[in-house]
Structures are given as C-alpha cells and as structure tokens.
C-alpha cells in the first residue's frame, strides 16, 4: 500500500492509494482525517519537474487546491 502524510494546518491527513486509472486519468484514495475515514476519486494532473525531464502527476485536495504528488507517496 502506498501512503502519504499531508500536514494540514493543525492536523495530519493520511492518504492511501486505492487505485490509479491511467485511462481516465483519475486516482482513488482512502483519506484518514481526524479519525474519519473516507474514500474519494480525484482527477490527475501533470506538471514538469524542476529538471524538466519528466512529468510529475498530482491531484488537488482541499479548499486551497493543494497539490498532492503521486511521487511523494511511500510504500508501507
């Protein structure tokens, strides 16, 4: 399972990848937020890495549309 911990204001939100659909360009994640667990599907976007050599996929989360990069998830 791949997991990412997102430090959001005053608490931690944990994302676990459930499924990535390359055809539809979506990601489904389980979200643990202050003791509540939910599942949601987000559109995937791409931007260039700083070295410009490859694209970096991400989804946007929350009211500030924070970028959550797939490469930042780690295997548990």
PDB file of N, CA and C in Angstrom:
ATOM      1  N   UNK A   1       0.842  -1.173   0.000  1.00  0.00           N
ATOM      2  CA  UNK A   1       0.000   0.000   0.000  1.00  0.00           C
ATOM      3  C   UNK A   1       0.896   1.249   0.000  1.00  0.00           C
ATOM      4  N   UNK A   2       0.512   2.238  -0.761  1.00  0.00           N
ATOM      5  CA  UNK A   2       1.257   3.495  -0.832  1.00  0.00           C
ATOM      6  C   UNK A   2       0.528   4.559  -0.015  1.00  0.00           C
ATOM      7  N   UNK A   3       1.282   5.264   0.825  1.00  0.00           N
ATOM      8  CA  UNK A   3       0.696   6.215   1.761  1.00  0.00           C
ATOM      9  C   UNK A   3       1.432   7.550   1.706  1.00  0.00           C
ATOM     10  N   UNK A   4       0.683   8.622   1.986  1.00  0.00           N
ATOM     11  CA  UNK A   4       1.254   9.963   2.055  1.00  0.00           C
ATOM     12  C   UNK A   4       0.641  10.704   3.233  1.00  0.00           C
ATOM     13  N   UNK A   5       1.493  11.342   4.048  1.00  0.00           N
ATOM     14  CA  UNK A   5       1.027  12.135   5.178  1.00  0.00           C
ATOM     15  C   UNK A   5       1.095  13.614   4.802  1.00  0.00           C
ATOM     16  N   UNK A   6      -0.048  14.288   4.883  1.00  0.00           N
ATOM     17  CA  UNK A   6      -0.168  15.685   4.494  1.00  0.00           C
ATOM     18  C   UNK A   6      -0.428  16.517   5.738  1.00  0.00           C
ATOM     19  N   UNK A   7       0.482  17.423   6.034  1.00  0.00           N
ATOM     20  CA  UNK A   7       0.360  18.288   7.208  1.00  0.00           C
ATOM     21  C   UNK A   7      -0.568  19.443   6.855  1.00  0.00           C
ATOM     22  N   UNK A   8      -1.786  19.413   7.391  1.00  0.00           N
ATOM     23  CA  UNK A   8      -2.811  20.386   7.044  1.00  0.00           C
ATOM     24  C   UNK A   8      -3.144  21.256   8.250  1.00  0.00           C
ATOM     25  N   UNK A   9      -2.729  22.487   8.245  1.00  0.00           N
ATOM     26  CA  UNK A   9      -2.960  23.485   9.284  1.00  0.00           C
ATOM     27  C   UNK A   9      -2.564  22.942  10.657  1.00  0.00           C
ATOM     28  N   UNK A  10      -3.496  22.325  11.373  1.00  0.00           N
ATOM     29  CA  UNK A  10      -3.218  21.887  12.740  1.00  0.00           C
ATOM     30  C   UNK A  10      -3.374  20.381  12.938  1.00  0.00           C
ATOM     31  N   UNK A  11      -3.489  19.626  11.855  1.00  0.00           N
ATOM     32  CA  UNK A  11      -3.606  18.173  11.974  1.00  0.00           C
ATOM     33  C   UNK A  11      -3.040  17.479  10.737  1.00  0.00           C
ATOM     34  N   UNK A  12      -2.923  16.169  10.845  1.00  0.00           N
ATOM     35  CA  UNK A  12      -2.352  15.354   9.787  1.00  0.00           C
ATOM     36  C   UNK A  12      -3.461  14.641   9.025  1.00  0.00           C
ATOM     37  N   UNK A  13      -3.361  14.638   7.703  1.00  0.00           N
ATOM     38  CA  UNK A  13      -4.282  13.890   6.853  1.00  0.00           C
ATOM     39  C   UNK A  13      -3.460  12.816   6.168  1.00  0.00           C
ATOM     40  N   UNK A  14      -3.951  11.587   6.198  1.00  0.00           N
ATOM     41  CA  UNK A  14      -3.222  10.474   5.594  1.00  0.00           C
ATOM     42  C   UNK A  14      -4.003   9.975   4.381  1.00  0.00           C
ATOM     43  N   UNK A  15      -3.304   9.896   3.242  1.00  0.00           N
ATOM     44  CA  UNK A  15      -3.880   9.388   2.004  1.00  0.00           C
ATOM     45  C   UNK A  15      -3.280   8.017   1.717  1.00  0.00           C
ATOM     46  N   UNK A  16      -4.114   7.058   1.335  1.00  0.00           N
ATOM     47  CA  UNK A  16      -3.670   5.743   0.883  1.00  0.00           C
ATOM     48  C   UNK A  16      -4.228   5.511  -0.514  1.00  0.00           C
ATOM     49  N   UNK A  17      -3.358   5.174  -1.449  1.00  0.00           N
ATOM     50  CA  UNK A  17      -3.808   4.939  -2.823  1.00  0.00           C
ATOM     51  C   UNK A  17      -4.600   3.638  -2.887  1.00  0.00           C
ATOM     52  N   UNK A  18      -5.801   3.724  -3.418  1.00  0.00           N
ATOM     53  CA  UNK A  18      -6.640   2.554  -3.641  1.00  0.00           C
ATOM     54  C   UNK A  18      -6.488   2.098  -5.088  1.00  0.00           C
ATOM     55  N   UNK A  19      -6.542   3.073  -6.018  1.00  0.00           N
ATOM     56  CA  UNK A  19      -6.473   2.728  -7.447  1.00  0.00           C
ATOM     57  C   UNK A  19      -6.061   3.949  -8.252  1.00  0.00           C
ATOM     58  N   UNK A  20      -5.222   3.721  -9.255  1.00  0.00           N
ATOM     59  CA  UNK A  20      -4.909   4.744 -10.248  1.00  0.00           C
ATOM     60  C   UNK A  20      -5.424   4.240 -11.587  1.00  0.00           C
ATOM     61  N   UNK A  21      -6.274   5.029 -12.226  1.00  0.00           N
ATOM     62  CA  UNK A  21      -6.826   4.675 -13.533  1.00  0.00           C
ATOM     63  C   UNK A  21      -6.154   5.556 -14.580  1.00  0.00           C
ATOM     64  N   UNK A  22      -5.164   4.978 -15.276  1.00  0.00           N
ATOM     65  CA  UNK A  22      -4.414   5.740 -16.278  1.00  0.00           C
ATOM     66  C   UNK A  22      -5.274   6.104 -17.485  1.00  0.00           C
ATOM     67  N   UNK A  23      -6.256   5.283 -17.786  1.00  0.00           N
ATOM     68  CA  UNK A  23      -7.118   5.558 -18.933  1.00  0.00           C
ATOM     69  C   UNK A  23      -7.994   6.794 -18.682  1.00  0.00           C
ATOM     70  N   UNK A  24      -8.583   6.869 -17.496  1.00  0.00           N
ATOM     71  CA  UNK A  24      -9.447   8.001 -17.145  1.00  0.00           C
ATOM     72  C   UNK A  24      -8.675   9.151 -16.510  1.00  0.00           C
ATOM     73  N   UNK A  25      -7.383   8.927 -16.204  1.00  0.00           N
ATOM     74  CA  UNK A  25      -6.547   9.920 -15.523  1.00  0.00           C
ATOM     75  C   UNK A  25      -7.160  10.340 -14.192  1.00  0.00           C
ATOM     76  N   UNK A  26      -7.488   9.316 -13.364  1.00  0.00           N
ATOM     77  CA  UNK A  26      -8.034   9.557 -12.033  1.00  0.00           C
ATOM     78  C   UNK A  26      -7.279   8.727 -10.997  1.00  0.00           C
ATOM     79  N   UNK A  27      -7.398   9.142  -9.749  1.00  0.00           N
ATOM     80  CA  UNK A  27      -6.846   8.391  -8.637  1.00  0.00           C
ATOM     81  C   UNK A  27      -7.916   8.277  -7.561  1.00  0.00           C
ATOM     82  N   UNK A  28      -8.030   7.098  -6.984  1.00  0.00           N
ATOM     83  CA  UNK A  28      -8.944   6.872  -5.867  1.00  0.00           C
ATOM     84  C   UNK A  28      -8.080   6.667  -4.627  1.00  0.00           C
ATOM     85  N   UNK A  29      -8.379   7.426  -3.574  1.00  0.00           N
ATOM     86  CA  UNK A  29      -7.606   7.344  -2.344  1.00  0.00           C
ATOM     87  C   UNK A  29      -8.535   7.192  -1.141  1.00  0.00           C
ATOM     88  N   UNK A  30      -8.029   6.494  -0.124  1.00  0.00           N
ATOM     89  CA  UNK A  30      -8.677   6.461   1.187  1.00  0.00           C
ATOM     90  C   UNK A  30      -8.072   7.611   1.976  1.00  0.00           C
ATOM     91  N   UNK A  31      -8.912   8.387   2.647  1.00  0.00           N
ATOM     92  CA  UNK A  31      -8.470   9.587   3.352  1.00  0.00           C
ATOM     93  C   UNK A  31      -8.793   9.437   4.834  1.00  0.00           C
ATOM     94  N   UNK A  32      -7.755   9.499   5.671  1.00  0.00           N
ATOM     95  CA  UNK A  32      -7.930   9.479   7.130  1.00  0.00           C
ATOM     96  C   UNK A  32      -7.725  10.901   7.621  1.00  0.00           C
ATOM     97  N   UNK A  33      -8.803  11.500   8.147  1.00  0.00           N
ATOM     98  CA  UNK A  33      -8.766  12.906   8.554  1.00  0.00           C
ATOM     99  C   UNK A  33      -9.454  13.049   9.909  1.00  0.00           C
ATOM    100  N   UNK A  34      -8.664  13.265  10.948  1.00  0.00           N
ATOM    101  CA  UNK A  34      -9.168  13.465  12.313  1.00  0.00           C
ATOM    102  C   UNK A  34     -10.091  12.332  12.752  1.00  0.00           C
ATOM    103  N   UNK A  35      -9.655  11.106  12.534  1.00  0.00           N
ATOM    104  CA  UNK A  35     -10.411   9.941  12.972  1.00  0.00           C
ATOM    105  C   UNK A  35     -11.504   9.480  12.028  1.00  0.00           C
ATOM    106  N   UNK A  36     -11.760  10.228  10.977  1.00  0.00           N
ATOM    107  CA  UNK A  36     -12.775   9.848   9.990  1.00  0.00           C
ATOM    108  C   UNK A  36     -12.072   9.311   8.750  1.00  0.00           C
ATOM    109  N   UNK A  37     -12.595   8.217   8.219  1.00  0.00           N
ATOM    110  CA  UNK A  37     -12.031   7.615   7.021  1.00  0.00           C
ATOM    111  C   UNK A  37     -13.062   7.702   5.909  1.00  0.00           C
ATOM    112  N   UNK A  38     -12.616   8.221   4.764  1.00  0.00           N
ATOM    113  CA  UNK A  38     -13.490   8.304   3.599  1.00  0.00           C
ATOM    114  C   UNK A  38     -12.698   7.881   2.372  1.00  0.00           C
ATOM    115  N   UNK A  39     -13.389   7.736   1.275  1.00  0.00           N
ATOM    116  CA  UNK A  39     -12.754   7.394   0.004  1.00  0.00           C
ATOM    117  C   UNK A  39     -13.252   8.366  -1.041  1.00  0.00           C
ATOM    118  N   UNK A  40     -12.343   8.839  -1.896  1.00  0.00           N
ATOM    119  CA  UNK A  40     -12.736   9.796  -2.929  1.00  0.00           C
ATOM    120  C   UNK A  40     -11.872   9.579  -4.164  1.00  0.00           C
ATOM    121  N   UNK A  41     -12.391   9.998  -5.307  1.00  0.00           N
ATOM    122  CA  UNK A  41     -11.685   9.910  -6.579  1.00  0.00           C
ATOM    123  C   UNK A  41     -11.418  11.316  -7.085  1.00  0.00           C
ATOM    124  N   UNK A  42     -10.182  11.549  -7.520  1.00  0.00           N
ATOM    125  CA  UNK A  42      -9.753  12.863  -7.989  1.00  0.00           C
ATOM    126  C   UNK A  42      -9.177  12.752  -9.395  1.00  0.00           C
ATOM    127  N   UNK A  43      -9.282  13.843 -10.152  1.00  0.00           N
ATOM    128  CA  UNK A  43      -8.627  13.916 -11.448  1.00  0.00           C
ATOM    129  C   UNK A  43      -7.127  14.042 -11.240  1.00  0.00           C
ATOM    130  N   UNK A  44      -6.355  13.418 -12.133  1.00  0.00           N
ATOM    131  CA  UNK A  44      -4.903  13.545 -12.100  1.00  0.00           C
ATOM    132  C   UNK A  44      -4.464  14.629 -13.075  1.00  0.00           C
ATOM    133  N   UNK A  45      -3.487  15.408 -12.659  1.00  0.00           N
ATOM    134  CA  UNK A  45      -2.899  16.456 -13.481  1.00  0.00           C
ATOM    135  C   UNK A  45      -1.403  16.202 -13.587  1.00  0.00           C
ATOM    136  N   UNK A  46      -0.742  16.911 -14.492  1.00  0.00           N
ATOM    137  CA  UNK A  46       0.705  16.773 -14.643  1.00  0.00           C
ATOM    138  C   UNK A  46       1.344  18.146 -14.696  1.00  0.00           C
ATOM    139  N   UNK A  47       2.528  18.251 -14.121  1.00  0.00           N
ATOM    140  CA  UNK A  47       3.367  19.419 -14.329  1.00  0.00           C
ATOM    141  C   UNK A  47       4.802  18.944 -14.442  1.00  0.00           C
ATOM    142  N   UNK A  48       5.660  19.803 -14.937  1.00  0.00           N
ATOM    143  CA  UNK A  48       7.054  19.427 -15.138  1.00  0.00           C
ATOM    144  C   UNK A  48       7.816  19.493 -13.833  1.00  0.00           C
ATOM    145  N   UNK A  49       8.710  18.531 -13.645  1.00  0.00           N
ATOM    146  CA  UNK A  49       9.606  18.581 -12.504  1.00  0.00           C
ATOM    147  C   UNK A  49      10.609  19.701 -12.741  1.00  0.00           C
ATOM    148  N   UNK A  50      11.289  20.078 -11.698  1.00  0.00           N
ATOM    149  CA  UNK A  50      12.233  21.193 -11.806  1.00  0.00           C
ATOM    150  C   UNK A  50      13.337  20.909 -12.818  1.00  0.00           C
ATOM    151  N   UNK A  51      13.695  19.633 -13.019  1.00  0.00           N
ATOM    152  CA  UNK A  51      14.732  19.321 -14.005  1.00  0.00           C
ATOM    153  C   UNK A  51      14.188  19.313 -15.428  1.00  0.00           C
ATOM    154  N   UNK A  52      12.850  19.354 -15.562  1.00  0.00           N
ATOM    155  CA  UNK A  52      12.217  19.431 -16.872  1.00  0.00           C
ATOM    156  C   UNK A  52      12.274  18.152 -17.684  1.00  0.00           C
ATOM    157  N   UNK A  53      12.745  17.061 -17.095  1.00  0.00           N
ATOM    158  CA  UNK A  53      12.943  15.833 -17.858  1.00  0.00           C
ATOM    159  C   UNK A  53      11.709  14.934 -17.911  1.00  0.00           C
ATOM    160  N   UNK A  54      10.848  15.026 -16.927  1.00  0.00           N
ATOM    161  CA  UNK A  54       9.650  14.194 -16.957  1.00  0.00           C
ATOM    162  C   UNK A  54       8.510  14.895 -16.233  1.00  0.00           C
ATOM    163  N   UNK A  55       7.312  14.379 -16.459  1.00  0.00           N
ATOM    164  CA  UNK A  55       6.133  14.962 -15.820  1.00  0.00           C
ATOM    165  C   UNK A  55       5.922  14.360 -14.438  1.00  0.00           C
ATOM    166  N   UNK A  56       5.329  15.140 -13.579  1.00  0.00           N
ATOM    167  CA  UNK A  56       5.045  14.735 -12.212  1.00  0.00           C
ATOM    168  C   UNK A  56       3.538  14.787 -12.012  1.00  0.00           C
ATOM    169  N   UNK A  57       2.911  13.630 -11.748  1.00  0.00           N
ATOM    170  CA  UNK A  57       1.450  13.587 -11.612  1.00  0.00           C
ATOM    171  C   UNK A  57       1.028  13.952 -10.194  1.00  0.00           C
ATOM    172  N   UNK A  58      -0.115  14.639 -10.102  1.00  0.00           N
ATOM    173  CA  UNK A  58      -0.643  15.056  -8.813  1.00  0.00           C
ATOM    174  C   UNK A  58      -2.157  15.187  -8.895  1.00  0.00           C
ATOM    175  N   UNK A  59      -2.777  15.264  -7.705  1.00  0.00           N
ATOM    176  CA  UNK A  59      -4.189  15.628  -7.629  1.00  0.00           C
ATOM    177  C   UNK A  59      -4.310  16.796  -6.673  1.00  0.00           C
ATOM    178  N   UNK A  60      -5.423  17.493  -6.764  1.00  0.00           N
ATOM    179  CA  UNK A  60      -5.640  18.667  -5.923  1.00  0.00           C
ATOM    180  C   UNK A  60      -6.612  18.319  -4.808  1.00  0.00           C
ATOM    181  N   UNK A  61      -6.285  18.799  -3.588  1.00  0.00           N
ATOM    182  CA  UNK A  61      -7.088  18.460  -2.418  1.00  0.00           C
ATOM    183  C   UNK A  61      -7.393  19.705  -1.597  1.00  0.00           C
ATOM    184  N   UNK A  62      -8.607  19.770  -1.076  1.00  0.00           N
ATOM    185  CA  UNK A  62      -8.988  20.828  -0.143  1.00  0.00           C
ATOM    186  C   UNK A  62      -9.413  22.117  -0.816  1.00  0.00           C
ATOM    187  N   UNK A  63      -9.797  23.074   0.025  1.00  0.00           N
ATOM    188  CA  UNK A  63     -10.292  24.352  -0.485  1.00  0.00           C
ATOM    189  C   UNK A  63      -9.193  25.192  -1.118  1.00  0.00           C
ATOM    190  N   UNK A  64      -7.938  24.918  -0.759  1.00  0.00           N
ATOM    191  CA  UNK A  64      -6.807  25.645  -1.345  1.00  0.00           C
ATOM    192  C   UNK A  64      -6.226  24.939  -2.561  1.00  0.00           C
ATOM    193  N   UNK A  65      -6.843  23.826  -2.963  1.00  0.00           N
ATOM    194  CA  UNK A  65      -6.372  23.029  -4.094  1.00  0.00           C
ATOM    195  C   UNK A  65      -4.883  22.704  -3.969  1.00  0.00           C
ATOM    196  N   UNK A  66      -4.502  22.207  -2.787  1.00  0.00           N
ATOM    197  CA  UNK A  66      -3.111  21.803  -2.558  1.00  0.00           C
ATOM    198  C   UNK A  66      -2.756  20.655  -3.486  1.00  0.00           C
ATOM    199  N   UNK A  67      -1.560  20.704  -4.048  1.00  0.00           N
ATOM    200  CA  UNK A  67      -1.087  19.649  -4.947  1.00  0.00           C
ATOM    201  C   UNK A  67      -0.509  18.509  -4.120  1.00  0.00           C
ATOM    202  N   UNK A  68      -1.058  17.314  -4.324  1.00  0.00           N
ATOM    203  CA  UNK A  68      -0.562  16.106  -3.675  1.00  0.00           C
ATOM    204  C   UNK A  68       0.078  15.263  -4.782  1.00  0.00           C
ATOM    205  N   UNK A  69       1.408  15.178  -4.759  1.00  0.00           N
ATOM    206  CA  UNK A  69       2.153  14.497  -5.818  1.00  0.00           C
ATOM    207  C   UNK A  69       2.220  12.992  -5.573  1.00  0.00           C
ATOM    208  N   UNK A  70       1.969  12.216  -6.613  1.00  0.00           N
ATOM    209  CA  UNK A  70       1.999  10.772  -6.528  1.00  0.00           C
ATOM    210  C   UNK A  70       3.404  10.289  -6.144  1.00  0.00           C
ATOM    211  N   UNK A  71       4.432  10.948  -6.636  1.00  0.00           N
ATOM    212  CA  UNK A  71       5.811  10.551  -6.329  1.00  0.00           C
ATOM    213  C   UNK A  71       6.158  10.704  -4.854  1.00  0.00           C
ATOM    214  N   UNK A  72       5.382  11.472  -4.098  1.00  0.00           N
ATOM    215  CA  UNK A  72       5.654  11.676  -2.680  1.00  0.00           C
ATOM    216  C   UNK A  72       5.088  10.552  -1.801  1.00  0.00           C
ATOM    217  N   UNK A  73       4.265   9.668  -2.368  1.00  0.00           N
ATOM    218  CA  UNK A  73       3.736   8.545  -1.609  1.00  0.00           C
ATOM    219  C   UNK A  73       4.857   7.533  -1.385  1.00  0.00           C
ATOM    220  N   UNK A  74       4.809   6.868  -0.237  1.00  0.00           N
ATOM    221  CA  UNK A  74       5.821   5.855   0.054  1.00  0.00           C
ATOM    222  C   UNK A  74       5.144   4.524   0.317  1.00  0.00           C
ATOM    223  N   UNK A  75       5.850   3.462  -0.005  1.00  0.00           N
ATOM    224  CA  UNK A  75       5.315   2.118   0.166  1.00  0.00           C
ATOM    225  C   UNK A  75       5.458   1.687   1.614  1.00  0.00           C
ATOM    226  N   UNK A  76       4.394   1.133   2.168  1.00  0.00           N
ATOM    227  CA  UNK A  76       4.420   0.627   3.549  1.00  0.00           C
ATOM    228  C   UNK A  76       4.466  -0.866   3.576  1.00  0.00           C
TER     229      UNK A  76
END
